[in-house]
Protein backbone atom coordinates (compact mmCIF):
# COMPACT_ATOMS: atom_id res chain seq x y z
CA MET A 1 82.82 91.09 111.42
CA ARG A 2 84.24 94.52 109.78
CA PRO A 3 81.09 96.41 110.11
CA TRP A 4 82.17 98.76 107.29
CA ILE A 5 82.03 96.16 104.65
CA LEU A 6 78.24 95.15 104.08
CA SER A 7 78.84 91.57 102.67
CA GLU A 8 80.47 90.84 106.06
CA THR A 9 77.63 92.45 108.04
CA ASN A 10 74.49 91.16 109.44
CA TYR A 11 71.07 92.62 109.65
CA ALA A 12 71.46 92.87 113.47
CA HIS A 13 74.04 95.70 112.98
CA VAL A 14 72.73 97.02 109.71
CA LYS A 15 69.14 98.05 110.93
CA HIS A 16 70.44 100.12 113.87
CA CYS A 17 73.47 101.76 111.79
CA ALA A 18 72.88 105.08 110.13
CA TYR A 19 75.34 105.03 107.58
CA ASP A 20 76.21 108.23 106.08
CA VAL A 21 78.36 107.26 102.90
CA ALA A 22 78.34 104.25 100.65
CA VAL A 23 81.18 103.19 98.65
CA LEU A 24 80.90 101.24 95.27
CA PRO A 25 84.02 99.64 94.00
CA MET A 26 84.08 98.92 90.21
CA GLY A 27 86.35 96.11 89.00
CA ALA A 28 86.60 94.06 85.47
CA THR A 29 87.58 90.53 84.53
CA GLU A 30 90.02 90.73 81.87
CA PRO A 31 93.87 89.28 81.28
CA HIS A 32 96.72 91.68 82.72
CA ASN A 33 99.53 90.36 80.93
CA LEU A 34 100.89 86.86 81.78
CA HIS A 35 101.42 87.12 85.62
CA LEU A 36 98.45 89.18 87.08
CA PRO A 37 94.93 87.44 87.58
CA TYR A 38 91.82 88.19 85.75
CA GLY A 39 90.53 89.72 88.74
CA THR A 40 93.21 92.32 89.31
CA ASP A 41 91.01 95.26 88.88
CA THR A 42 88.38 93.97 91.19
CA PHE A 43 90.78 93.04 94.00
CA GLU A 44 92.57 96.55 93.67
CA ALA A 45 89.07 98.30 94.18
CA GLU A 46 88.39 95.98 96.98
CA ALA A 47 91.80 96.69 98.62
CA ILE A 48 91.48 100.34 98.33
CA SER A 49 87.76 100.74 98.96
CA SER A 50 88.33 98.39 102.13
CA GLY A 51 91.36 100.30 103.48
CA ALA A 52 89.88 103.78 103.03
CA CYS A 53 86.62 102.48 104.79
CA GLN A 54 88.53 101.17 107.49
CA LEU A 55 90.18 104.30 108.13
CA ALA A 56 87.13 106.29 107.92
CA TRP A 57 85.30 104.53 110.56
CA GLN A 58 87.95 104.18 112.78
CA ARG A 59 87.73 108.08 112.82
CA GLY A 60 84.28 108.14 113.40
CA ALA A 61 82.43 108.17 109.90
CA LYS A 62 79.72 105.73 109.29
CA VAL A 63 80.50 104.43 105.82
CA VAL A 64 79.80 101.09 104.29
CA MET A 65 81.57 99.34 101.39
CA LEU A 66 79.07 97.72 98.91
CA PRO A 67 80.28 94.58 97.10
CA ALA A 68 82.35 94.92 94.26
CA ILE A 69 80.94 94.71 90.72
CA PRO A 70 83.68 92.55 88.99
CA TYR A 71 82.43 93.34 85.57
CA GLY A 72 83.39 96.05 83.44
CA THR A 73 83.48 97.40 79.64
CA GLU A 74 86.04 95.40 77.66
CA THR A 75 84.67 95.96 74.10
CA ASN A 76 88.59 97.00 72.98
CA GLN A 77 89.45 93.44 74.68
CA ASN A 78 86.94 91.17 73.08
CA GLN A 79 89.86 89.50 71.24
CA CYS A 80 91.72 88.65 74.35
CA ARG A 81 90.14 85.51 75.89
CA LEU A 82 87.58 85.60 78.57
CA SER A 83 87.55 89.02 78.86
CA MET A 84 83.92 89.50 80.34
CA ASN A 85 82.29 92.44 78.74
CA LEU A 86 79.28 94.91 80.06
CA ASN A 87 78.39 97.53 77.99
CA PRO A 88 78.78 101.22 79.44
CA SER A 89 74.88 101.45 79.04
CA THR A 90 74.44 97.97 80.96
CA LEU A 91 76.72 99.43 83.79
CA ALA A 92 75.04 102.66 83.78
CA ARG A 93 71.64 100.56 84.55
CA VAL A 94 73.25 98.61 87.22
CA ILE A 95 74.72 101.63 89.10
CA GLN A 96 71.43 103.81 88.66
CA ASP A 97 69.54 101.02 90.04
CA LEU A 98 71.92 100.68 93.15
CA VAL A 99 71.72 104.38 93.33
CA GLU A 100 67.81 104.07 93.81
CA SER A 101 68.36 101.45 96.47
CA LEU A 102 70.51 103.44 98.38
CA GLU A 103 68.13 106.63 98.03
CA GLY A 104 65.47 104.16 99.34
CA HIS A 105 67.34 103.28 102.44
CA GLY A 106 68.13 107.16 103.33
CA ILE A 107 71.90 106.76 102.00
CA LEU A 108 72.24 109.95 99.98
CA LYS A 109 75.98 110.02 99.41
CA LEU A 110 77.90 107.51 96.88
CA VAL A 111 81.47 107.19 96.16
CA ILE A 112 82.09 105.10 93.10
CA LEU A 113 85.70 103.68 93.21
CA ASN A 114 86.72 102.62 89.87
CA SER A 115 89.80 100.18 89.14
CA HIS A 116 89.27 99.96 85.23
CA GLY A 117 90.27 102.01 82.49
CA GLY A 118 87.62 100.76 80.02
CA ASN A 119 84.86 102.21 82.64
CA GLU A 120 83.91 105.82 82.01
CA PHE A 121 81.39 106.93 84.63
CA LYS A 122 81.55 110.58 84.32
CA PRO A 123 78.80 110.62 81.71
CA LEU A 124 76.86 108.67 84.13
CA LEU A 125 77.00 111.11 86.78
CA ARG A 126 76.11 114.21 84.55
CA GLU A 127 73.06 112.08 83.36
CA LEU A 128 71.79 111.30 87.01
CA HIS A 129 72.66 114.72 88.59
CA GLY A 130 69.13 116.36 89.39
CA LYS A 131 67.03 113.12 88.82
CA THR A 132 68.50 111.55 92.18
CA ARG A 133 68.81 112.73 95.76
CA VAL A 134 72.09 110.87 96.16
CA GLN A 135 75.05 112.81 95.71
CA LEU A 136 77.65 111.04 93.59
CA PHE A 137 81.39 111.17 93.53
CA LEU A 138 83.79 109.31 91.29
CA CYS A 139 87.42 108.35 92.17
CA ASP A 140 89.49 106.71 89.19
CA TRP A 141 92.26 105.79 91.57
CA PHE A 142 94.68 105.32 88.55
CA ARG A 143 94.27 109.05 87.36
CA GLY A 144 93.80 111.85 89.66
CA LEU A 145 94.29 110.22 93.16
CA ILE A 146 97.94 109.33 92.53
CA ALA A 147 98.94 111.64 89.84
CA ASP A 148 101.14 113.74 91.87
CA VAL A 149 103.19 110.68 93.72
CA LYS A 150 103.30 108.24 90.62
CA LYS A 151 106.51 109.39 89.30
CA ASP A 152 108.35 109.51 93.15
CA ILE A 153 107.37 105.57 93.41
CA PHE A 154 107.80 104.13 90.06
CA GLN A 155 110.53 103.81 87.45
CA GLU A 156 108.28 103.65 84.57
CA ALA A 157 104.89 105.00 83.59
CA ASP A 158 102.37 102.31 82.44
CA ASP A 159 98.92 101.75 81.47
CA HIS A 160 97.75 98.25 82.01
CA ALA A 161 99.29 95.38 83.95
CA GLY A 162 102.63 97.37 84.42
CA GLU A 163 104.98 98.54 87.33
CA VAL A 164 102.08 100.16 89.13
CA GLU A 165 99.55 97.46 89.14
CA THR A 166 101.98 94.65 89.45
CA SER A 167 103.56 96.55 92.84
CA LEU A 168 99.82 96.56 94.13
CA GLY A 169 99.24 93.06 93.32
CA LEU A 170 102.43 91.93 94.99
CA ALA A 171 101.56 93.84 98.19
CA CYS A 172 97.89 92.95 98.31
CA PHE A 173 97.09 89.66 96.77
CA GLY A 174 101.09 88.23 95.99
CA HIS A 175 99.76 84.68 96.08
CA LEU A 176 98.09 85.41 92.79
CA VAL A 177 100.94 86.82 90.90
CA LYS A 178 102.88 84.30 88.58
CA GLN A 179 106.34 84.25 88.98
CA HIS A 180 109.19 82.01 87.98
CA ASP A 181 111.34 79.78 90.73
CA ASP A 182 113.80 82.41 90.61
CA GLY A 183 111.33 85.05 91.85
CA THR A 184 111.25 86.77 88.44
CA LEU A 185 107.87 87.72 87.00
CA ALA A 186 106.28 85.40 84.52
CA ALA A 187 105.55 88.36 82.39
CA ASP A 188 106.61 90.20 78.98
CA ASP A 189 107.96 93.41 78.63
CA GLY A 190 104.39 95.06 78.06
CA THR A 191 105.53 96.71 74.89
CA THR A 192 102.99 98.43 72.74
CA ARG A 193 102.58 98.71 68.95
CA SER A 194 102.09 102.42 67.64
CA THR A 195 99.19 103.09 65.18
CA ARG A 196 99.92 104.43 61.76
CA PHE A 197 98.38 107.76 62.59
CA ASP A 198 101.12 110.36 63.93
CA ALA A 199 98.11 112.35 65.52
CA VAL A 200 96.87 109.37 67.55
CA ASN A 201 100.40 108.46 68.68
CA ARG A 202 100.98 111.92 70.15
CA GLY A 203 97.55 112.08 71.66
CA TRP A 204 95.89 114.84 69.54
CA VAL A 205 93.46 112.21 68.22
CA SER A 206 92.05 109.43 70.38
CA ILE A 207 90.41 106.16 69.60
CA THR A 208 89.26 102.98 71.32
CA ARG A 209 92.19 100.61 71.31
CA PRO A 210 92.06 97.23 69.88
CA TRP A 211 93.94 95.23 72.34
CA HIS A 212 95.10 92.46 70.67
CA LEU A 213 96.70 94.51 68.34
CA LEU A 214 98.09 97.13 70.54
CA THR A 215 99.76 94.50 72.95
CA THR A 216 101.55 91.04 72.61
CA ASN A 217 99.90 89.66 75.90
CA THR A 218 97.51 92.34 76.85
CA GLY A 219 100.43 94.16 78.93
CA SER A 220 101.00 97.78 78.42
CA GLY A 221 103.67 99.08 80.56
CA ASN A 222 106.90 97.20 81.88
CA PRO A 223 106.12 95.32 85.04
CA HIS A 224 109.70 94.12 85.99
CA GLY A 225 110.60 96.87 88.41
CA ALA A 226 107.54 96.30 90.42
CA THR A 227 107.85 95.43 94.39
CA ALA A 228 105.48 94.93 96.83
CA GLU A 229 107.03 97.65 98.93
CA LYS A 230 106.35 100.22 96.30
CA GLY A 231 102.56 98.82 96.24
CA ALA A 232 102.27 99.09 100.06
CA LYS A 233 103.80 102.51 99.78
CA LEU A 234 101.38 103.49 97.09
CA MET A 235 98.20 101.92 98.92
CA GLU A 236 98.97 103.75 102.29
CA ILE A 237 98.88 107.30 100.27
CA MET A 238 95.69 106.22 98.57
CA VAL A 239 93.87 104.98 101.67
CA GLU A 240 94.98 107.96 103.48
CA ARG A 241 93.66 110.21 100.91
CA LEU A 242 90.36 108.58 100.00
CA GLY A 243 89.68 107.72 103.76
CA GLY A 244 90.06 111.40 104.67
CA PHE A 245 87.98 112.70 102.09
CA LEU A 246 85.14 109.60 103.34
CA VAL A 247 85.41 111.44 106.93
CA ASP A 248 84.93 114.91 105.49
CA LEU A 249 82.07 113.70 103.26
CA ALA A 250 80.09 111.71 105.91
CA GLN A 251 80.34 114.93 108.12
CA SER A 252 79.05 117.25 105.48
CA LYS A 253 75.10 117.92 105.32
CA VAL A 254 73.59 117.51 102.29
CA ASP A 255 71.47 120.86 101.92
CA GLU A 256 70.72 123.21 98.82
CA ARG A 257 74.23 124.40 98.45
CA PHE A 258 75.89 120.74 98.54
CA PRO A 259 78.89 120.56 97.80
CA PHE A 260 79.67 124.10 97.83
């Protein structure tokens, strides 16, 4: 039994454990090019969260990882077979209900570890602010958590099922990464199409991108430079950073000036 993972823990332990922090992994169910499994985002969220919670627990922090939510917002992938969508309002309601459960059990600190770019939770944090005693934190691992190290580890910037995610897949769930007999990835190069609008292509104006038009096989970013070693290196950095934060958060008292 790993006592920091709720789904593995029994009531005999939980009823006497004063958890300080909960972590909620948020994933998705969607295709990732031709080689990564549909559960990639969920598997990543679980691996990062469990590693960070383990590190925090070993440093004395009473943290608990909730079961991952394996669905996300997929409205821009609705033409990609078996992308399973939950609308933003639905996801918000699910999280709100879980926050109410945590508050009822006296756990007043929640970290949402998001692994899917289609999930936008910052508006939810603003909406719930002041409406619950639970203090909410959001970590989109693919954004700020790795922004300063990404270029040092990986050859190419990517967006979806590219070098970063494929490296994590090879490191964490390599048996599910589809490869040819010669060891090469069963994937295309992840090239994407430009829109007809220069302002959109330059990032001056944003849209929700119809994935079946943007990509060939749902991949955005070249995965062929990926290695398990790169994934393991990135995972080590993320676990140390997030785990260290969980320790600090567990030790911090919730008062009228929190988090300042």
